[in-house]
Amino acid sequence: MAFKIYTKTGDKGSTSLIGGVRVPKSHIRIEAYGTVDELNSYLGVVSDSLQDTLLKEWLREIQDRLFTIGSVLATNPDKEVKMKLPDLHDTDIEWLEKNIDTMNETLPEMRSFILPGGYLPASHTHVARCICRRAERICVGMVQQEDVVPDLVIKYLNRLSDFLFVVARYISHIHHAEEIPWRARV
């Protein structure tokens, strides 16, 4: 028998967290993992716009980590979960930092803020960076509301947004697209 996509259990505006607790679809936990899912989907757009095999591999690795983060955020922290969920590790953050450093070695020094744009794949990457920052803000808001979000999730999202900023610059650089410096009006 095929897996049904629709269950009709959410037709009245609620959904289940991993662990079985039902919450309104407007719950901040749903907003958090929904935003991570949005980011994951948008990274698919970024990947599809690229020719560079290494960057595509990197983005697939990140998409896998985002599924991990989504499962963490979709889990009710007050319930015992019977299924084995994937983990996020410090090495995932170290991986981002290592690759940021690798890309930065080839990039020209930034002397001003840069405007997103100038080359479509880089622009898409900037949009992904903004979605990532929104996911981070939502997770920080959860912590401020005394909801449970592992520190590693917030740290990963913070570093990932830095990574995506550098990827956007790197994409522009390897395609010889001009970075557009922001000139403040005085």
Protein backbone atom coordinates (compact mmCIF):
# COMPACT_ATOMS: atom_id res chain seq x y z
CA MET A 1 0.00 0.00 0.00
CA ALA A 2 1.29 3.45 -0.91
CA PHE A 3 1.98 6.05 1.77
CA LYS A 4 -0.81 8.63 1.90
CA ILE A 5 0.29 12.26 1.76
CA TYR A 6 -2.91 13.59 3.29
CA THR A 7 -4.16 12.50 6.68
CA LYS A 8 -6.89 15.12 7.25
CA THR A 9 -5.76 15.40 10.89
CA GLY A 10 -4.60 18.98 10.34
CA ASP A 11 -7.77 20.24 8.71
CA LYS A 12 -8.76 22.17 11.82
CA GLY A 13 -5.44 23.95 12.24
CA SER A 14 -3.45 21.65 14.47
CA THR A 15 -0.60 19.23 13.90
CA SER A 16 1.42 16.70 15.87
CA LEU A 17 4.95 17.09 17.09
CA ILE A 18 7.23 14.05 17.17
CA GLY A 19 6.13 12.43 20.41
CA GLY A 20 2.43 12.79 19.59
CA VAL A 21 1.51 16.09 21.25
CA ARG A 22 -0.85 18.17 19.11
CA VAL A 23 -0.26 21.89 18.83
CA PRO A 24 -1.77 24.70 16.73
CA LYS A 25 -0.09 25.17 13.36
CA SER A 26 0.70 28.70 14.52
CA HIS A 27 2.87 27.35 17.40
CA ILE A 28 6.38 28.81 17.45
CA ARG A 29 7.89 25.31 17.20
CA ILE A 30 6.00 24.76 13.94
CA GLU A 31 7.13 28.19 12.72
CA ALA A 32 10.74 27.25 13.54
CA TYR A 33 10.87 23.94 11.72
CA GLY A 34 8.74 25.31 8.88
CA THR A 35 11.30 28.07 8.35
CA VAL A 36 14.13 25.51 8.41
CA ASP A 37 12.18 23.53 5.80
CA GLU A 38 11.80 26.70 3.72
CA LEU A 39 15.55 27.24 3.94
CA ASN A 40 16.19 23.63 2.94
CA SER A 41 13.90 24.00 -0.09
CA TYR A 42 15.52 27.26 -1.10
CA LEU A 43 18.97 25.67 -0.90
CA GLY A 44 17.62 23.24 -3.50
CA VAL A 45 16.98 26.27 -5.74
CA VAL A 46 20.50 27.53 -5.08
CA SER A 47 21.99 24.12 -5.86
CA ASP A 48 19.97 23.80 -9.07
CA SER A 49 21.31 27.18 -10.21
CA LEU A 50 24.94 26.10 -9.82
CA GLN A 51 27.34 24.18 -12.05
CA ASP A 52 30.09 23.82 -9.43
CA THR A 53 30.09 20.20 -8.24
CA LEU A 54 31.83 20.91 -4.94
CA LEU A 55 29.37 23.64 -3.94
CA LYS A 56 26.47 21.35 -4.87
CA GLU A 57 27.95 18.61 -2.64
CA TRP A 58 28.36 21.11 0.20
CA LEU A 59 24.75 22.23 -0.14
CA ARG A 60 23.51 18.61 -0.09
CA GLU A 61 25.47 18.07 3.13
CA ILE A 62 23.84 21.16 4.63
CA GLN A 63 20.39 20.06 3.48
CA ASP A 64 20.95 16.82 5.37
CA ARG A 65 21.85 18.78 8.53
CA LEU A 66 18.75 20.93 8.08
CA PHE A 67 16.59 17.80 8.10
CA THR A 68 18.31 16.91 11.36
CA ILE A 69 17.57 20.36 12.79
CA GLY A 70 13.97 20.12 11.57
CA SER A 71 13.51 16.83 13.38
CA VAL A 72 14.96 18.33 16.58
CA LEU A 73 12.61 21.30 16.36
CA ALA A 74 9.62 19.07 15.50
CA THR A 75 10.10 17.03 18.66
CA ASN A 76 8.22 17.81 21.83
CA PRO A 77 10.98 18.27 24.41
CA ASP A 78 8.67 17.11 27.23
CA LYS A 79 7.89 13.70 25.71
CA GLU A 80 10.01 10.58 25.48
CA VAL A 81 10.53 9.74 21.80
CA LYS A 82 10.74 6.05 20.89
CA MET A 83 12.34 6.51 17.47
CA LYS A 84 16.03 7.25 16.92
CA LEU A 85 16.50 10.79 15.65
CA PRO A 86 19.63 12.07 13.91
CA ASP A 87 22.04 14.26 15.90
CA LEU A 88 23.80 17.51 15.21
CA HIS A 89 27.47 17.57 16.27
CA ASP A 90 30.15 20.19 16.98
CA THR A 91 31.96 18.79 13.94
CA ASP A 92 29.09 20.06 11.75
CA ILE A 93 29.89 23.61 12.85
CA GLU A 94 33.63 23.01 12.44
CA TRP A 95 32.91 21.82 8.88
CA LEU A 96 31.16 25.12 8.10
CA GLU A 97 34.01 27.13 9.61
CA LYS A 98 36.66 25.18 7.69
CA ASN A 99 34.87 25.75 4.41
CA ILE A 100 34.28 29.43 5.18
CA ASP A 101 38.03 29.79 5.73
CA THR A 102 38.81 27.88 2.52
CA MET A 103 36.57 30.12 0.41
CA ASN A 104 37.79 33.29 2.14
CA GLU A 105 41.38 32.49 1.12
CA THR A 106 40.43 33.14 -2.52
CA LEU A 107 38.11 36.11 -2.01
CA PRO A 108 39.12 39.74 -2.26
CA GLU A 109 39.08 41.65 1.01
CA MET A 110 35.71 43.20 1.78
CA ARG A 111 36.10 46.97 2.16
CA SER A 112 32.42 47.84 2.54
CA PHE A 113 29.04 46.23 2.89
CA ILE A 114 27.92 44.67 -0.35
CA LEU A 115 24.47 44.74 -1.87
CA PRO A 116 22.95 41.35 -2.64
CA GLY A 117 22.83 40.91 -6.39
CA GLY A 118 25.03 40.98 -9.44
CA TYR A 119 24.73 37.29 -10.39
CA LEU A 120 21.53 35.25 -10.03
CA PRO A 121 22.95 32.19 -8.18
CA ALA A 122 24.68 34.53 -5.71
CA SER A 123 21.43 36.46 -5.26
CA HIS A 124 19.57 33.21 -4.53
CA THR A 125 22.23 32.39 -1.95
CA HIS A 126 21.68 35.75 -0.25
CA VAL A 127 17.95 34.97 -0.02
CA ALA A 128 18.82 31.61 1.58
CA ARG A 129 21.08 33.48 4.05
CA CYS A 130 18.15 35.72 5.04
CA ILE A 131 15.85 32.72 5.53
CA CYS A 132 18.55 31.15 7.70
CA ARG A 133 18.76 34.31 9.84
CA ARG A 134 14.97 34.24 10.27
CA ALA A 135 15.12 30.59 11.41
CA GLU A 136 17.84 31.58 13.88
CA ARG A 137 15.75 34.49 15.22
CA ILE A 138 12.74 32.22 15.70
CA CYS A 139 14.85 29.68 17.61
CA VAL A 140 16.31 32.43 19.80
CA GLY A 141 12.74 33.63 20.43
CA MET A 142 11.80 30.11 21.51
CA VAL A 143 14.61 30.10 24.07
CA GLN A 144 13.50 33.52 25.33
CA GLN A 145 10.00 32.06 25.79
CA GLU A 146 11.60 29.25 27.79
CA ASP A 147 11.02 26.63 25.11
CA VAL A 148 13.79 24.08 24.59
CA VAL A 149 16.14 24.52 21.63
CA PRO A 150 19.57 22.93 21.85
CA ASP A 151 22.39 25.49 21.85
CA LEU A 152 24.00 23.60 18.98
CA VAL A 153 20.99 24.30 16.74
CA ILE A 154 21.25 28.06 17.25
CA LYS A 155 25.01 27.98 16.85
CA TYR A 156 24.72 25.96 13.62
CA LEU A 157 22.14 28.33 12.13
CA ASN A 158 24.29 31.32 13.07
CA ARG A 159 27.36 29.82 11.43
CA LEU A 160 25.35 28.63 8.43
CA SER A 161 24.21 32.17 7.67
CA ASP A 162 27.88 33.25 7.73
CA PHE A 163 28.69 30.32 5.44
CA LEU A 164 25.95 31.31 2.99
CA PHE A 165 27.17 34.89 2.90
CA VAL A 166 30.65 33.68 1.96
CA VAL A 167 29.21 31.20 -0.57
CA ALA A 168 27.35 34.07 -2.25
CA ARG A 169 30.59 36.05 -2.47
CA TYR A 170 32.48 32.96 -3.65
CA ILE A 171 29.93 32.26 -6.40
CA SER A 172 30.26 35.84 -7.64
CA HIS A 173 34.04 35.57 -7.49
CA ILE A 174 34.41 32.33 -9.46
CA HIS A 175 32.00 33.64 -12.11
CA HIS A 176 33.76 37.01 -12.32
CA ALA A 177 30.60 38.85 -11.32
CA GLU A 178 31.09 42.26 -9.82
CA GLU A 179 30.23 42.73 -6.16
CA ILE A 180 28.15 45.83 -5.66
CA PRO A 181 29.47 47.91 -2.75
CA TRP A 182 26.92 49.75 -0.65
CA ARG A 183 27.48 53.49 -0.80
CA ALA A 184 25.73 55.18 2.07
CA ARG A 185 23.96 58.35 1.07
CA VAL A 186 25.22 61.23 3.14
